[in-house]
Every structure is written in C-alpha cells, then in structure tokens.
Protein backbone atom coordinates (compact mmCIF):
# COMPACT_ATOMS: atom_id res chain seq x y z
CA UNK A 1 -3.26 2.63 -7.56
CA UNK A 2 -4.22 5.13 -4.87
CA UNK A 3 -7.84 3.96 -4.86
CA UNK A 4 -6.75 0.35 -4.29
CA UNK A 5 -4.41 1.41 -1.49
CA UNK A 6 -7.10 3.52 0.21
CA UNK A 7 -9.54 0.60 0.08
CA UNK A 8 -6.91 -1.70 1.54
CA UNK A 9 -6.18 0.72 4.39
CA UNK A 10 -9.87 0.97 5.27
CA UNK A 11 -10.49 -2.76 4.93
CA UNK A 12 -7.63 -3.74 7.24
CA UNK A 13 -7.61 -0.62 9.43
CA UNK A 14 -3.94 -0.07 8.71
CA UNK A 15 -2.23 3.27 9.11
CA UNK A 16 -0.72 4.82 5.99
CA UNK A 17 2.70 4.96 7.64
CA UNK A 18 2.69 1.27 8.54
CA UNK A 19 1.53 0.35 5.05
CA UNK A 20 4.34 2.31 3.42
CA UNK A 21 6.97 0.90 5.77
CA UNK A 22 5.83 -2.71 5.45
CA UNK A 23 5.23 -2.51 1.73
CA UNK A 24 8.11 -0.47 0.35
CA UNK A 25 10.23 0.64 3.32
CA UNK A 26 8.90 4.15 2.68
CA UNK A 27 6.75 5.57 5.51
CA UNK A 28 5.71 8.50 3.30
CA UNK A 29 4.53 6.36 0.38
CA UNK A 30 0.78 6.84 0.93
CA UNK A 31 1.19 10.51 1.77
CA UNK A 32 3.12 11.02 -1.46
CA UNK A 33 0.56 9.05 -3.48
CA UNK A 34 -2.17 11.27 -2.05
CA UNK A 35 -0.19 14.31 -3.20
CA UNK A 36 0.03 13.01 -6.75
CA UNK A 37 3.15 10.84 -6.83
CA UNK A 38 3.04 8.36 -9.68
CA UNK A 39 4.89 5.21 -8.63
CA UNK A 40 7.06 3.36 -11.11
CA UNK A 41 6.35 -0.17 -12.26
CA UNK A 42 8.61 -1.71 -9.63
CA UNK A 43 6.86 0.09 -6.76
CA UNK A 44 3.44 -0.75 -8.21
CA UNK A 45 4.40 -4.44 -8.26
CA UNK A 46 5.63 -4.25 -4.65
CA UNK A 47 2.37 -2.60 -3.55
CA UNK A 48 0.21 -5.17 -5.33
CA UNK A 49 2.32 -8.06 -4.05
CA UNK A 50 2.16 -6.77 -0.46
CA UNK A 51 -1.62 -6.36 -0.55
CA UNK A 52 -2.12 -9.84 -2.06
CA UNK A 53 0.15 -11.54 0.47
CA UNK A 54 -1.39 -9.63 3.38
CA UNK A 55 -4.93 -10.60 2.30
CA UNK A 56 -3.93 -14.26 2.08
CA UNK A 57 -2.24 -14.16 5.47
CA UNK A 58 -5.41 -12.95 7.21
CA UNK A 59 -7.61 -15.38 5.30
CA UNK A 60 -9.52 -13.03 3.05
C-alpha cells in the first residue's frame, strides 16, 4: 500500500499531509504508513478509492 501511495504522491505532486486529509481525514496517515502502520481493510479501500477518483478527475 505504501508503495502505491508514494507513487501517487510523486505522480501528482501532492503533499503527504494533503493526501491523508483528503483521503481519510487523517493528516498523519502517510507519515504513519512510512513508520510501519498497517492500515485495516476499510482504510485500504478508502485510499484506493481516493486515488482512483482523483486520477479520473484529472484525466489520467
């Protein structure tokens, strides 16, 4: 999950804090993932859904 998030952040030049806030209302989400946090299924689905919707909205 972290690899996909890191790629997304680079691809769209998004800050980790903004990603966490927009995705899961958790500004520390990416920081915690980088420190080894294992998100539950619900959070994983929210992350994947956010990235998919965001990609579609910018036409990628």
